[in-house]
């Protein structure tokens, strides 16, 4: 076998991305100066990141990207971002080194553990939201470090490559192929004649939603409806709502805030799971586009149905009063809010929580598990399999059943009035099968590996651990609940979950295609 990909060109451009990524650390550096915490951590981190980026850039003075090189660039960039992102965690870590069975209330999960820091960083950039910081330890870190943790999710939400295409001319040349490899969903919708303009349009919409949410949350604070939603928290939570990330500098996540805050965040979580191209059409006065879009209608319908089912289960007493912060009997505002928030969070993989759904009964947890499988829309920041894939899969199954009964009939699969290409259908089927197989194998491995090191893990916890990381969802059930932690897993399981978060964010196929295309059997 011979490696036929020009890796030097790809890695050289990875260095360019890393160099610019270092500049984003100026945000937590400013926070560190305001609070006078961990200033040296971010100064040193910026210097290290810039040096690494410049060194990698020198591998190739005139990089040229072909299809294989583009796939390699996208794949390596996400791992490089996670490695750069873990530097502040390692430098700021303090307390005892964490190992299997460590005290979850220790001051830091990052001291002495590169794997732990890599896990948290990869979870951030892939907007997964699974965390090693337990309910007690999260607030023991500095404001600056927690803001960096929030910012990593915001940077990863719309896509690191999409951002770089918007600002770097050298990447815009191959922008369409790069965005296709990184963009969530089976297709890339080109909004403008130039792909760099499309990238900028998407990021402007994304940035606008983020600013709007931050202003709304801080406005509620100024009006007295959210006493503890200060400017820091408003910005921090805006950073992780729109990318459907789920990190929070508060140990109790959104449960730490008032009902007004929770209601305010719900529509933004739902919007984050919508194809951002539809918002572009709305801004151009084409509002009918979003209403006529089949994926949007199914996405909105799925949310409504799941909210109704969960609200009914809570009304019937599916959760103890202490688990949802109030009464569960009768149709109350709290019941509807808890149902709407948890579905709005889990269906599109945000991962926030206002209730400890790990203590809900089996029926309610199964409904939430099904919601996790749905995912957001193509072109959104949501994770999971994606609504459009489920829609095409169901239509293809219906077509096959119809053709089986009517063998002389030719019946194409249609979506939004257009015929879906057979290659696209095959690609969706392959992705869905790979996703389910990888999920199943990972759940078995995590369960067996936990038993190997003496960790008691239920079947539901093992399943949710694999699904939470592969689907970039964040929390699971049991010990992995919204107020729990992944710290107790062995390093072997954590490394598998790092891989799952990475390949899940890149949607499996591009990563596997990279290895198949780059190895030439002679």
Protein backbone atom coordinates (compact mmCIF):
# COMPACT_ATOMS: atom_id res chain seq x y z
CA UNK A 1 0.00 0.00 0.00
CA UNK A 2 1.19 3.50 -0.77
CA UNK A 3 -0.14 6.74 0.66
CA UNK A 4 -1.07 8.86 -2.33
CA UNK A 5 -2.54 11.92 -0.61
CA UNK A 6 -0.41 15.07 -0.57
CA UNK A 7 -0.53 15.32 3.20
CA UNK A 8 1.94 18.21 3.33
CA UNK A 9 -0.53 20.54 1.58
CA UNK A 10 -3.31 19.52 3.94
CA UNK A 11 -1.24 19.83 7.11
CA UNK A 12 0.16 23.18 5.96
CA UNK A 13 -3.37 24.59 5.76
CA UNK A 14 -4.17 22.99 9.11
CA UNK A 15 -1.35 25.16 10.46
CA UNK A 16 -3.03 28.25 9.00
CA UNK A 17 -6.30 27.34 10.70
CA UNK A 18 -4.53 26.70 14.02
CA UNK A 19 -2.78 30.07 13.81
CA UNK A 20 -6.08 31.90 13.42
CA UNK A 21 -7.72 29.69 16.02
CA UNK A 22 -5.15 30.96 18.51
CA UNK A 23 -6.58 34.46 18.07
CA UNK A 24 -9.95 33.31 19.43
CA UNK A 25 -8.24 32.77 22.78
CA UNK A 26 -8.15 36.56 23.08
CA UNK A 27 -11.78 36.35 24.23
CA UNK A 28 -11.04 34.30 27.39
CA UNK A 29 -7.85 36.35 27.83
CA UNK A 30 -9.98 39.50 28.12
CA UNK A 31 -12.21 37.69 30.63
CA UNK A 32 -9.14 36.62 32.59
CA UNK A 33 -7.99 40.25 32.76
CA UNK A 34 -11.42 41.39 33.97
CA UNK A 35 -11.52 38.82 36.77
CA UNK A 36 -7.72 38.61 37.18
CA UNK A 37 -7.79 34.80 36.91
CA UNK A 38 -5.57 32.54 34.80
CA UNK A 39 -4.11 35.42 32.76
CA UNK A 40 -0.84 33.56 32.22
CA UNK A 41 -2.72 30.45 31.11
CA UNK A 42 -4.14 32.12 28.02
CA UNK A 43 -1.04 34.15 27.24
CA UNK A 44 1.02 30.95 27.17
CA UNK A 45 -1.72 29.06 25.29
CA UNK A 46 -1.85 31.71 22.56
CA UNK A 47 1.93 31.63 22.14
CA UNK A 48 2.01 27.82 21.95
CA UNK A 49 -0.86 27.69 19.44
CA UNK A 50 0.70 30.35 17.19
CA UNK A 51 4.07 28.57 17.22
CA UNK A 52 2.44 25.26 16.30
CA UNK A 53 0.42 26.89 13.54
CA UNK A 54 3.40 28.70 12.01
CA UNK A 55 5.51 25.53 12.14
CA UNK A 56 2.88 23.48 10.33
CA UNK A 57 2.39 26.22 7.72
CA UNK A 58 6.02 25.90 6.65
CA UNK A 59 5.54 22.29 5.50
CA UNK A 60 4.28 23.54 2.12
CA UNK A 61 4.74 27.03 0.70
CA UNK A 62 2.11 26.63 -2.03
CA UNK A 63 -0.48 24.07 -0.86
CA UNK A 64 -2.75 22.55 -3.51
CA UNK A 65 -5.87 20.67 -2.47
CA UNK A 66 -7.41 17.83 -4.42
CA UNK A 67 -10.41 15.78 -3.25
CA UNK A 68 -8.30 13.56 -0.96
CA UNK A 69 -6.38 16.51 0.46
CA UNK A 70 -9.62 18.33 1.20
CA UNK A 71 -10.96 15.35 3.16
CA UNK A 72 -7.69 15.08 5.07
CA UNK A 73 -7.70 18.80 5.87
CA UNK A 74 -11.25 18.75 7.26
CA UNK A 75 -10.62 15.61 9.32
CA UNK A 76 -7.31 16.77 10.79
CA UNK A 77 -8.52 20.32 11.47
CA UNK A 78 -11.11 19.04 13.95
CA UNK A 79 -8.56 16.95 15.80
CA UNK A 80 -6.05 19.81 15.72
CA UNK A 81 -8.67 22.16 17.16
CA UNK A 82 -9.31 19.72 20.01
CA UNK A 83 -5.57 19.42 20.76
CA UNK A 84 -5.11 23.20 20.74
CA UNK A 85 -8.27 23.63 22.80
CA UNK A 86 -7.02 21.35 25.56
CA UNK A 87 -3.89 23.44 26.23
CA UNK A 88 -5.66 25.92 28.59
CA UNK A 89 -7.28 22.99 30.43
CA UNK A 90 -3.90 21.38 31.09
CA UNK A 91 -2.22 24.63 32.10
CA UNK A 92 -5.05 25.67 34.42
CA UNK A 93 -5.61 22.23 35.95
CA UNK A 94 -5.22 21.94 39.69
CA UNK A 95 -6.16 19.43 42.36
CA UNK A 96 -5.59 15.68 42.30
CA UNK A 97 -5.04 13.65 39.16
CA UNK A 98 -8.23 11.96 38.05
CA UNK A 99 -8.31 8.22 37.44
CA UNK A 100 -11.00 5.58 37.37
CA UNK A 101 -12.94 5.88 40.58
CA UNK A 102 -11.66 9.39 41.27
CA UNK A 103 -13.54 11.76 43.54
CA UNK A 104 -15.93 13.60 41.23
CA UNK A 105 -15.86 16.63 43.50
CA UNK A 106 -12.11 17.17 43.07
CA UNK A 107 -11.10 20.64 42.03
CA UNK A 108 -10.20 19.72 38.46
CA UNK A 109 -10.68 16.83 36.08
CA UNK A 110 -7.77 17.98 33.94
CA UNK A 111 -4.71 17.88 36.21
CA UNK A 112 -2.23 15.34 34.97
CA UNK A 113 -4.62 13.82 32.42
CA UNK A 114 -4.17 14.64 28.75
CA UNK A 115 -6.98 12.24 27.88
CA UNK A 116 -9.42 14.08 30.15
CA UNK A 117 -8.44 17.46 28.71
CA UNK A 118 -8.73 16.08 25.17
CA UNK A 119 -12.17 14.66 25.96
CA UNK A 120 -13.47 18.01 27.23
CA UNK A 121 -11.95 19.92 24.34
CA UNK A 122 -13.27 17.53 21.67
CA UNK A 123 -16.68 17.63 23.36
CA UNK A 124 -16.56 21.40 23.11
CA UNK A 125 -15.52 21.83 19.49
CA UNK A 126 -17.86 19.07 18.25
CA UNK A 127 -20.67 20.71 20.30
CA UNK A 128 -21.30 17.40 22.04
CA UNK A 129 -21.58 18.73 25.59
CA UNK A 130 -20.57 15.52 27.37
CA UNK A 131 -18.41 16.64 30.28
CA UNK A 132 -15.99 15.42 32.90
CA UNK A 133 -16.87 18.28 35.23
CA UNK A 134 -19.40 17.09 37.76
CA UNK A 135 -22.11 19.05 39.53
CA UNK A 136 -19.64 20.27 42.14
CA UNK A 137 -16.36 20.73 40.26
CA UNK A 138 -17.53 22.85 37.30
CA UNK A 139 -17.82 26.09 39.27
CA UNK A 140 -14.38 25.65 40.84
CA UNK A 141 -12.70 26.72 37.62
CA UNK A 142 -11.99 30.31 36.63
CA UNK A 143 -14.40 32.49 34.68
CA UNK A 144 -11.86 32.64 31.84
CA UNK A 145 -11.42 28.88 31.55
CA UNK A 146 -15.18 28.29 31.59
CA UNK A 147 -15.66 31.01 28.97
CA UNK A 148 -13.10 29.24 26.76
CA UNK A 149 -15.08 26.04 27.29
CA UNK A 150 -18.22 27.88 26.10
CA UNK A 151 -16.44 29.52 23.18
CA UNK A 152 -15.12 26.21 21.79
CA UNK A 153 -18.71 25.11 21.23
CA UNK A 154 -19.63 28.36 19.49
CA UNK A 155 -16.65 28.04 17.16
CA UNK A 156 -17.54 24.45 16.32
CA UNK A 157 -21.26 25.06 15.88
CA UNK A 158 -21.38 26.55 12.39
CA UNK A 159 -18.09 24.88 11.52
CA UNK A 160 -14.43 25.80 11.83
CA UNK A 161 -13.86 25.25 8.13
CA UNK A 162 -16.91 27.34 7.21
CA UNK A 163 -15.49 30.18 9.32
CA UNK A 164 -12.06 29.90 7.71
CA UNK A 165 -13.54 29.83 4.20
CA UNK A 166 -15.32 33.07 5.05
CA UNK A 167 -12.10 34.84 6.03
CA UNK A 168 -9.25 33.05 4.20
CA UNK A 169 -9.02 33.38 0.39
CA UNK A 170 -6.69 30.35 0.10
CA UNK A 171 -9.42 28.07 1.44
CA UNK A 172 -12.23 29.65 -0.58
CA UNK A 173 -10.75 28.14 -3.77
CA UNK A 174 -11.73 24.66 -2.58
CA UNK A 175 -14.51 25.97 -0.37
CA UNK A 176 -17.41 23.99 -1.81
CA UNK A 177 -15.70 20.65 -1.31
CA UNK A 178 -14.44 21.57 2.15
CA UNK A 179 -17.87 22.72 3.29
CA UNK A 180 -19.49 19.61 1.84
CA UNK A 181 -17.15 17.46 3.95
CA UNK A 182 -17.85 19.44 7.12
CA UNK A 183 -21.47 20.57 6.75
CA UNK A 184 -24.04 18.57 8.75
CA UNK A 185 -26.49 16.80 6.50
CA UNK A 186 -26.45 14.98 3.16
CA UNK A 187 -26.33 18.07 0.97
CA UNK A 188 -24.86 21.56 0.81
CA UNK A 189 -27.11 24.37 -0.39
CA UNK A 190 -25.13 27.09 -2.13
CA UNK A 191 -26.85 30.35 -1.24
CA UNK A 192 -24.74 32.72 -3.35
CA UNK A 193 -22.62 32.40 -6.52
CA UNK A 194 -19.44 32.42 -4.45
CA UNK A 195 -18.95 29.84 -1.74
CA UNK A 196 -17.06 32.32 0.48
CA UNK A 197 -20.12 34.57 0.41
CA UNK A 198 -22.30 31.60 1.39
CA UNK A 199 -19.97 30.89 4.32
CA UNK A 200 -20.13 34.52 5.42
CA UNK A 201 -23.93 34.58 5.11
CA UNK A 202 -24.27 31.51 7.32
CA UNK A 203 -21.92 32.92 9.95
CA UNK A 204 -23.67 36.31 9.94
CA UNK A 205 -27.03 34.62 10.61
CA UNK A 206 -25.42 32.47 13.29
CA UNK A 207 -23.75 35.51 14.88
CA UNK A 208 -27.00 37.47 14.74
CA UNK A 209 -28.94 34.78 16.61
CA UNK A 210 -26.17 34.61 19.21
CA UNK A 211 -26.19 38.37 19.83
CA UNK A 212 -30.00 38.42 19.97
CA UNK A 213 -30.09 35.68 22.60
CA UNK A 214 -27.35 37.30 24.69
CA UNK A 215 -29.24 40.62 24.64
CA UNK A 216 -32.53 38.91 25.51
CA UNK A 217 -31.04 37.03 28.46
CA UNK A 218 -29.25 40.08 29.83
CA UNK A 219 -32.39 42.13 29.24
CA UNK A 220 -34.37 39.73 31.44
CA UNK A 221 -31.71 40.27 34.10
CA UNK A 222 -32.01 44.06 33.89
CA UNK A 223 -35.80 43.81 34.11
CA UNK A 224 -35.58 41.68 37.24
CA UNK A 225 -36.86 38.43 35.71
CA UNK A 226 -33.46 36.68 35.89
CA UNK A 227 -31.51 37.77 38.99
CA UNK A 228 -28.44 35.59 38.36
CA UNK A 229 -28.31 35.98 34.55
CA UNK A 230 -25.58 38.60 34.56
CA UNK A 231 -23.68 39.70 31.45
CA UNK A 232 -21.11 36.91 31.82
CA UNK A 233 -23.78 34.22 31.99
CA UNK A 234 -25.80 35.77 29.18
CA UNK A 235 -22.84 35.69 26.80
CA UNK A 236 -21.70 32.26 28.01
CA UNK A 237 -25.09 30.65 27.40
CA UNK A 238 -25.60 32.38 24.06
CA UNK A 239 -22.29 30.83 23.02
CA UNK A 240 -23.59 27.31 23.68
CA UNK A 241 -27.28 27.56 22.77
CA UNK A 242 -26.98 28.37 19.07
CA UNK A 243 -24.34 25.68 18.37
CA UNK A 244 -26.59 23.17 20.22
CA UNK A 245 -23.66 22.59 22.55
CA UNK A 246 -25.04 22.46 26.08
CA UNK A 247 -22.03 23.46 28.18
CA UNK A 248 -22.85 25.79 31.04
CA UNK A 249 -20.66 27.53 33.62
CA UNK A 250 -23.40 26.69 36.13
CA UNK A 251 -23.39 23.27 37.81
CA UNK A 252 -27.20 23.05 37.50
CA UNK A 253 -27.18 24.04 33.81
CA UNK A 254 -30.29 26.09 32.91
CA UNK A 255 -32.05 24.82 36.03
CA UNK A 256 -29.98 27.44 37.86
CA UNK A 257 -32.05 30.19 36.24
CA UNK A 258 -35.62 31.43 36.36
CA UNK A 259 -38.57 30.13 34.35
CA UNK A 260 -38.39 33.27 32.20
CA UNK A 261 -34.85 32.36 31.13
CA UNK A 262 -35.89 28.79 30.35
CA UNK A 263 -38.81 29.91 28.17
CA UNK A 264 -36.54 32.43 26.41
CA UNK A 265 -33.97 29.77 25.49
CA UNK A 266 -36.46 27.20 24.12
CA UNK A 267 -37.20 28.94 20.76
CA UNK A 268 -33.50 29.56 20.17
CA UNK A 269 -32.71 25.87 20.75
CA UNK A 270 -35.45 24.96 18.28
CA UNK A 271 -34.17 27.53 15.77
CA UNK A 272 -30.65 26.13 16.06
CA UNK A 273 -31.96 22.81 14.75
CA UNK A 274 -33.43 24.42 11.62
CA UNK A 275 -31.51 24.57 8.33
CA UNK A 276 -29.84 27.99 8.45
CA UNK A 277 -30.30 28.35 4.69
CA UNK A 278 -34.03 28.75 5.35
CA UNK A 279 -33.35 31.78 7.55
CA UNK A 280 -31.35 33.27 4.68
CA UNK A 281 -34.38 32.91 2.42
CA UNK A 282 -36.62 34.47 5.09
CA UNK A 283 -34.30 37.48 5.35
CA UNK A 284 -34.60 37.89 1.58
CA UNK A 285 -38.38 38.10 1.89
CA UNK A 286 -39.02 34.50 0.87
CA UNK A 287 -40.88 33.46 4.01
CA UNK A 288 -42.89 30.81 2.18
CA UNK A 289 -39.70 28.81 1.70
CA UNK A 290 -39.51 27.78 5.34
CA UNK A 291 -43.21 26.84 5.53
CA UNK A 292 -43.05 24.83 2.31
CA UNK A 293 -39.91 22.93 3.28
CA UNK A 294 -40.77 19.27 4.00
CA UNK A 295 -37.88 18.78 6.44
CA UNK A 296 -38.89 21.82 8.48
CA UNK A 297 -42.49 20.63 8.70
CA UNK A 298 -41.42 17.18 9.90
CA UNK A 299 -38.92 18.71 12.36
CA UNK A 300 -41.54 21.05 13.82
CA UNK A 301 -44.12 18.26 13.91
CA UNK A 302 -41.72 15.88 15.67
CA UNK A 303 -40.98 18.49 18.34
CA UNK A 304 -44.69 19.11 18.92
CA UNK A 305 -45.50 15.39 19.18
CA UNK A 306 -42.62 14.62 21.54
CA UNK A 307 -43.50 17.60 23.75
CA UNK A 308 -47.08 16.40 23.93
CA UNK A 309 -46.07 12.85 24.88
CA UNK A 310 -43.57 13.94 27.53
CA UNK A 311 -46.01 16.49 28.99
CA UNK A 312 -48.65 13.76 29.22
CA UNK A 313 -46.20 11.42 30.97
CA UNK A 314 -45.17 14.14 33.42
CA UNK A 315 -48.83 14.91 34.01
CA UNK A 316 -49.29 11.23 34.88
CA UNK A 317 -46.40 11.42 37.38
CA UNK A 318 -43.43 10.15 35.34
CA UNK A 319 -41.05 12.19 37.49
CA UNK A 320 -40.85 12.88 41.21
CA UNK A 321 -41.59 16.54 42.09
CA UNK A 322 -37.99 17.12 43.14
CA UNK A 323 -36.79 16.01 39.68
CA UNK A 324 -38.58 18.80 37.83
CA UNK A 325 -38.57 21.47 40.46
CA UNK A 326 -42.27 21.47 41.19
CA UNK A 327 -45.61 19.72 41.02
CA UNK A 328 -46.27 17.02 38.44
CA UNK A 329 -50.00 16.62 38.89
CA UNK A 330 -52.28 18.60 36.62
CA UNK A 331 -51.47 20.60 33.49
CA UNK A 332 -49.19 23.20 35.01
CA UNK A 333 -46.87 25.75 33.49
CA UNK A 334 -43.96 23.86 35.01
CA UNK A 335 -45.00 20.56 33.41
CA UNK A 336 -45.28 22.11 29.95
CA UNK A 337 -42.03 24.03 30.37
CA UNK A 338 -40.09 20.96 31.46
CA UNK A 339 -41.45 18.91 28.57
CA UNK A 340 -40.78 21.66 26.01
CA UNK A 341 -37.29 22.37 27.29
CA UNK A 342 -36.08 18.77 27.48
CA UNK A 343 -37.40 17.93 23.99
CA UNK A 344 -36.14 21.21 22.53
CA UNK A 345 -32.75 20.39 24.01
CA UNK A 346 -32.38 16.66 23.29
CA UNK A 347 -34.08 16.27 19.91
CA UNK A 348 -31.54 18.52 18.19
CA UNK A 349 -28.65 17.55 20.53
CA UNK A 350 -28.31 20.77 22.55
CA UNK A 351 -27.91 18.95 25.86
CA UNK A 352 -29.10 21.66 28.27
CA UNK A 353 -31.35 20.57 31.11
CA UNK A 354 -33.76 22.14 33.56
CA UNK A 355 -34.61 18.83 35.23
CA UNK A 356 -32.77 15.65 36.18
CA UNK A 357 -34.43 13.40 33.62
CA UNK A 358 -32.12 10.60 34.74
CA UNK A 359 -34.55 10.12 37.65
CA UNK A 360 -37.67 9.99 35.46
CA UNK A 361 -39.43 6.66 34.98
CA UNK A 362 -38.55 4.20 32.20
CA UNK A 363 -41.36 5.26 29.85
CA UNK A 364 -40.31 8.91 29.88
CA UNK A 365 -36.62 8.02 29.43
CA UNK A 366 -37.41 5.82 26.43
CA UNK A 367 -39.30 8.71 24.81
CA UNK A 368 -36.29 10.97 25.39
CA UNK A 369 -34.01 8.27 23.96
CA UNK A 370 -36.09 8.15 20.77
CA UNK A 371 -35.94 11.94 20.57
CA UNK A 372 -32.13 11.76 20.69
CA UNK A 373 -32.15 9.57 17.58
CA UNK A 374 -34.04 12.14 15.49
CA UNK A 375 -31.47 14.93 15.34
CA UNK A 376 -31.71 18.41 13.86
CA UNK A 377 -32.08 19.47 10.24
CA UNK A 378 -29.46 19.35 7.52
CA UNK A 379 -27.56 22.63 7.47
CA UNK A 380 -28.32 23.30 11.14
CA UNK A 381 -25.97 23.10 14.10
CA UNK A 382 -27.88 20.10 15.46
CA UNK A 383 -26.37 16.63 15.72
CA UNK A 384 -27.83 13.16 15.30
CA UNK A 385 -28.91 11.37 12.14
CA UNK A 386 -30.88 14.41 10.87
CA UNK A 387 -34.56 14.73 10.01
CA UNK A 388 -34.01 14.79 6.25
CA UNK A 389 -32.32 11.39 6.34
CA UNK A 390 -35.18 9.84 8.30
CA UNK A 391 -37.60 11.40 5.83
CA UNK A 392 -35.78 9.97 2.82
CA UNK A 393 -35.36 6.57 4.50
CA UNK A 394 -39.09 6.35 5.23
CA UNK A 395 -40.00 7.43 1.70
CA UNK A 396 -37.55 4.91 0.23
CA UNK A 397 -38.99 2.11 2.37
CA UNK A 398 -42.50 3.07 1.29
CA UNK A 399 -41.34 3.10 -2.34
CA UNK A 400 -39.80 -0.37 -2.04
CA UNK A 401 -42.95 -1.80 -0.48
CA UNK A 402 -45.09 -0.25 -3.23
CA UNK A 403 -42.80 -1.52 -6.01
CA UNK A 404 -42.76 -4.99 -4.46
CA UNK A 405 -46.55 -5.12 -4.83
CA UNK A 406 -46.43 -3.41 -8.25
CA UNK A 407 -43.21 -4.66 -9.93
CA UNK A 408 -43.92 -2.95 -13.26
CA UNK A 409 -44.20 0.48 -11.65
CA UNK A 410 -41.42 3.08 -11.56
CA UNK A 411 -41.89 5.27 -8.51
CA UNK A 412 -39.23 7.88 -7.71
CA UNK A 413 -38.66 9.27 -4.24
CA UNK A 414 -39.72 12.91 -4.09
CA UNK A 415 -38.86 15.61 -1.57
CA UNK A 416 -40.10 19.19 -1.74
CA UNK A 417 -41.58 18.38 -5.15
CA UNK A 418 -38.23 17.26 -6.58
CA UNK A 419 -37.00 13.76 -7.39
CA UNK A 420 -34.28 12.61 -5.00
CA UNK A 421 -31.26 11.26 -6.86
CA UNK A 422 -30.74 7.51 -6.40
CA UNK A 423 -27.09 8.09 -5.47
CA UNK A 424 -28.25 10.43 -2.70
CA UNK A 425 -30.70 7.81 -1.44
CA UNK A 426 -27.97 5.18 -1.42
CA UNK A 427 -25.64 7.53 0.45
CA UNK A 428 -28.30 8.23 3.08
CA UNK A 429 -28.96 4.51 3.52
CA UNK A 430 -25.23 3.82 3.91
CA UNK A 431 -24.81 6.60 6.47
CA UNK A 432 -27.81 5.49 8.52
CA UNK A 433 -26.61 1.87 8.54
CA UNK A 434 -23.06 2.89 9.50
CA UNK A 435 -24.42 5.13 12.25
CA UNK A 436 -26.55 2.38 13.78
CA UNK A 437 -23.78 -0.26 13.50
CA UNK A 438 -21.15 2.06 15.00
CA UNK A 439 -23.54 3.05 17.77
CA UNK A 440 -24.32 -0.58 18.63
CA UNK A 441 -20.71 -1.74 18.63
CA UNK A 442 -19.62 1.25 20.72
CA UNK A 443 -22.37 0.68 23.30
CA UNK A 444 -21.24 -2.96 23.70
CA UNK A 445 -17.57 -1.96 23.97
CA UNK A 446 -18.23 0.75 26.57
CA UNK A 447 -20.32 -1.64 28.66
CA UNK A 448 -17.73 -4.44 28.50
CA UNK A 449 -14.80 -2.09 29.14
CA UNK A 450 -16.57 -0.62 32.18
CA UNK A 451 -17.11 -4.13 33.55
CA UNK A 452 -13.41 -4.85 32.95
CA UNK A 453 -12.33 -2.05 35.28
CA UNK A 454 -15.03 -2.73 37.86
CA UNK A 455 -17.49 0.06 36.95
CA UNK A 456 -21.15 -0.81 37.36
CA UNK A 457 -22.93 0.37 34.23
CA UNK A 458 -26.51 -0.41 33.31
CA UNK A 459 -27.50 -1.27 29.74
CA UNK A 460 -29.31 2.06 29.39
CA UNK A 461 -26.22 3.95 30.58
CA UNK A 462 -24.00 2.11 28.10
CA UNK A 463 -26.42 2.80 25.25
CA UNK A 464 -26.79 6.45 26.17
CA UNK A 465 -23.00 6.90 26.48
CA UNK A 466 -22.50 5.74 22.89
CA UNK A 467 -25.47 7.70 21.57
CA UNK A 468 -24.59 10.87 23.49
CA UNK A 469 -21.08 11.01 22.02
CA UNK A 470 -21.67 9.69 18.48
CA UNK A 471 -24.75 11.89 18.06
CA UNK A 472 -23.01 14.90 19.70
CA UNK A 473 -25.91 15.05 22.16
CA UNK A 474 -24.11 15.40 25.51
CA UNK A 475 -25.93 13.97 28.52
CA UNK A 476 -27.13 10.41 28.89
CA UNK A 477 -29.03 8.55 31.56
CA UNK A 478 -28.20 7.35 35.06
CA UNK A 479 -24.74 8.50 36.13
CA UNK A 480 -24.42 10.29 32.78
CA UNK A 481 -27.52 12.40 33.36
CA UNK A 482 -27.64 16.16 32.81
CA UNK A 483 -26.12 16.82 36.22
CA UNK A 484 -23.73 13.87 36.06
CA UNK A 485 -20.26 13.35 34.63
CA UNK A 486 -18.28 11.05 32.31
CA UNK A 487 -15.23 11.27 34.58
CA UNK A 488 -15.58 7.77 36.04
CA UNK A 489 -15.03 6.00 32.69
CA UNK A 490 -11.69 4.34 31.96
CA UNK A 491 -9.22 6.08 29.67
CA UNK A 492 -9.91 3.44 27.02
CA UNK A 493 -13.63 4.27 26.95
CA UNK A 494 -12.89 8.00 26.97
CA UNK A 495 -10.62 7.64 23.93
CA UNK A 496 -13.35 5.73 22.12
CA UNK A 497 -15.81 8.51 22.98
CA UNK A 498 -13.34 11.12 21.68
CA UNK A 499 -13.27 9.19 18.41
CA UNK A 500 -17.07 8.95 18.36
CA UNK A 501 -17.47 12.69 18.92
CA UNK A 502 -15.01 13.42 16.11
CA UNK A 503 -16.42 11.01 13.54
CA UNK A 504 -19.98 11.89 14.58
CA UNK A 505 -19.41 15.61 13.96
CA UNK A 506 -17.96 14.86 10.52
CA UNK A 507 -20.82 12.42 9.90
CA UNK A 508 -18.78 9.22 9.51
CA UNK A 509 -18.65 8.87 5.72
CA UNK A 510 -16.04 11.60 4.92
CA UNK A 511 -13.64 10.15 7.50
CA UNK A 512 -14.00 6.59 6.21
CA UNK A 513 -13.80 7.81 2.60
CA UNK A 514 -10.50 9.53 3.46
CA UNK A 515 -8.82 6.26 4.34
CA UNK A 516 -10.33 4.34 1.42
CA UNK A 517 -9.37 6.98 -1.16
CA UNK A 518 -5.91 7.59 0.23
CA UNK A 519 -4.70 4.01 0.21
CA UNK A 520 -3.79 2.69 -3.21
CA UNK A 521 -3.30 -1.07 -3.32
CA UNK A 522 -0.50 -1.94 -5.69
